[in-house]
């Protein structure tokens, strides 16, 4: 899915997790110029998932932000759009993703 082009933004080994978590989903990842209001975001447009990530972040923070946004994608796919963005469904999925990396 995502190639080694993403490696300069991530800690070693992170690409493997990102690809595993996004497998089977049509995901577009966009690296944005640094924004002051957010570090990344997730949105679903026309049946496709888009995740953005700010350029210039620390590699560990970039991986954490991507994990956070991927958790939003999984939560919305599993539970629908009516859930709270950081509600119990999202927290459970995010926790599971983080535990996989330990």
Protein backbone atom coordinates (compact mmCIF):
# COMPACT_ATOMS: atom_id res chain seq x y z
CA UNK A 1 0.00 0.00 0.00
CA UNK A 2 2.28 2.80 1.24
CA UNK A 3 5.83 2.65 -0.03
CA UNK A 4 9.20 3.49 1.43
CA UNK A 5 8.58 7.10 0.39
CA UNK A 6 6.79 7.43 3.71
CA UNK A 7 9.81 6.22 5.73
CA UNK A 8 11.44 9.67 6.08
CA UNK A 9 8.41 10.72 8.13
CA UNK A 10 8.31 7.66 10.41
CA UNK A 11 10.32 5.78 13.00
CA UNK A 12 11.89 2.49 11.83
CA UNK A 13 9.34 -0.31 11.53
CA UNK A 14 6.31 1.98 11.53
CA UNK A 15 5.51 1.52 7.85
CA UNK A 16 4.75 -2.15 8.48
CA UNK A 17 2.04 -1.23 11.00
CA UNK A 18 0.57 1.53 8.85
CA UNK A 19 0.26 -0.83 5.89
CA UNK A 20 -1.25 -3.58 8.05
CA UNK A 21 -3.85 -1.26 9.55
CA UNK A 22 -4.80 0.25 6.17
CA UNK A 23 -4.94 -3.04 4.27
CA UNK A 24 -8.21 -3.38 2.39
CA UNK A 25 -9.11 0.29 2.71
CA UNK A 26 -8.80 2.84 -0.11
CA UNK A 27 -6.67 5.36 1.79
CA UNK A 28 -5.11 8.53 0.47
CA UNK A 29 -2.37 9.97 2.65
CA UNK A 30 -1.54 13.64 2.18
CA UNK A 31 1.47 15.35 3.74
CA UNK A 32 0.47 18.98 4.40
CA UNK A 33 2.45 22.10 5.17
CA UNK A 34 2.56 22.66 8.91
CA UNK A 35 -0.78 23.84 10.29
CA UNK A 36 -1.24 25.56 13.62
CA UNK A 37 -4.72 24.19 14.35
CA UNK A 38 -4.04 20.46 13.87
CA UNK A 39 -1.30 17.91 13.30
CA UNK A 40 -3.37 15.59 11.13
CA UNK A 41 -6.93 14.65 10.34
CA UNK A 42 -9.21 12.00 8.89
CA UNK A 43 -12.15 12.38 6.53
CA UNK A 44 -14.14 10.06 4.31
CA UNK A 45 -14.98 11.53 0.91
CA UNK A 46 -16.86 9.71 -1.85
CA UNK A 47 -16.26 6.34 -0.22
CA UNK A 48 -12.51 6.93 0.08
CA UNK A 49 -10.56 7.61 3.22
CA UNK A 50 -8.19 10.55 3.43
CA UNK A 51 -5.66 11.07 6.19
CA UNK A 52 -3.52 14.16 6.38
CA UNK A 53 -0.31 14.61 8.32
CA UNK A 54 1.69 17.77 8.90
CA UNK A 55 5.14 17.97 7.36
CA UNK A 56 8.10 18.51 9.66
CA UNK A 57 6.90 16.63 12.73
CA UNK A 58 9.11 14.42 14.85
CA UNK A 59 9.05 10.88 13.41
CA UNK A 60 7.63 9.30 16.56
CA UNK A 61 4.91 11.98 16.72
CA UNK A 62 4.08 11.38 13.05
CA UNK A 63 3.56 7.68 13.75
CA UNK A 64 1.39 8.50 16.75
CA UNK A 65 -0.71 10.96 14.72
CA UNK A 66 -1.15 8.40 11.90
CA UNK A 67 -2.19 5.77 14.45
CA UNK A 68 -4.70 8.24 15.90
CA UNK A 69 -6.19 9.01 12.48
CA UNK A 70 -6.27 5.35 11.40
CA UNK A 71 -8.21 4.63 14.59
CA UNK A 72 -10.79 7.20 13.43
CA UNK A 73 -11.04 5.39 10.10
CA UNK A 74 -11.56 2.00 11.73
CA UNK A 75 -14.07 3.37 14.24
CA UNK A 76 -16.15 5.07 11.57
CA UNK A 77 -16.11 1.96 9.40
CA UNK A 78 -17.13 -0.31 12.29
CA UNK A 79 -19.65 1.90 14.08
CA UNK A 80 -20.79 4.52 11.56
CA UNK A 81 -20.57 8.28 11.43
CA UNK A 82 -22.81 8.94 14.45
CA UNK A 83 -20.20 8.01 17.08
CA UNK A 84 -18.31 10.66 19.02
CA UNK A 85 -14.86 11.35 17.52
CA UNK A 86 -13.03 10.34 20.72
CA UNK A 87 -15.77 8.24 22.28
CA UNK A 88 -15.48 4.74 23.72
CA UNK A 89 -15.50 3.04 20.31
CA UNK A 90 -12.57 5.11 19.07
CA UNK A 91 -10.69 4.74 22.39
CA UNK A 92 -10.98 0.97 22.23
CA UNK A 93 -9.65 0.81 18.66
CA UNK A 94 -6.86 3.32 19.32
CA UNK A 95 -5.78 1.38 22.43
CA UNK A 96 -5.70 -1.85 20.42
CA UNK A 97 -3.53 -0.27 17.71
CA UNK A 98 -1.10 1.16 20.26
CA UNK A 99 -0.86 -2.19 22.08
CA UNK A 100 0.09 -3.88 18.82
CA UNK A 101 3.19 -1.68 18.62
CA UNK A 102 4.48 -2.52 22.10
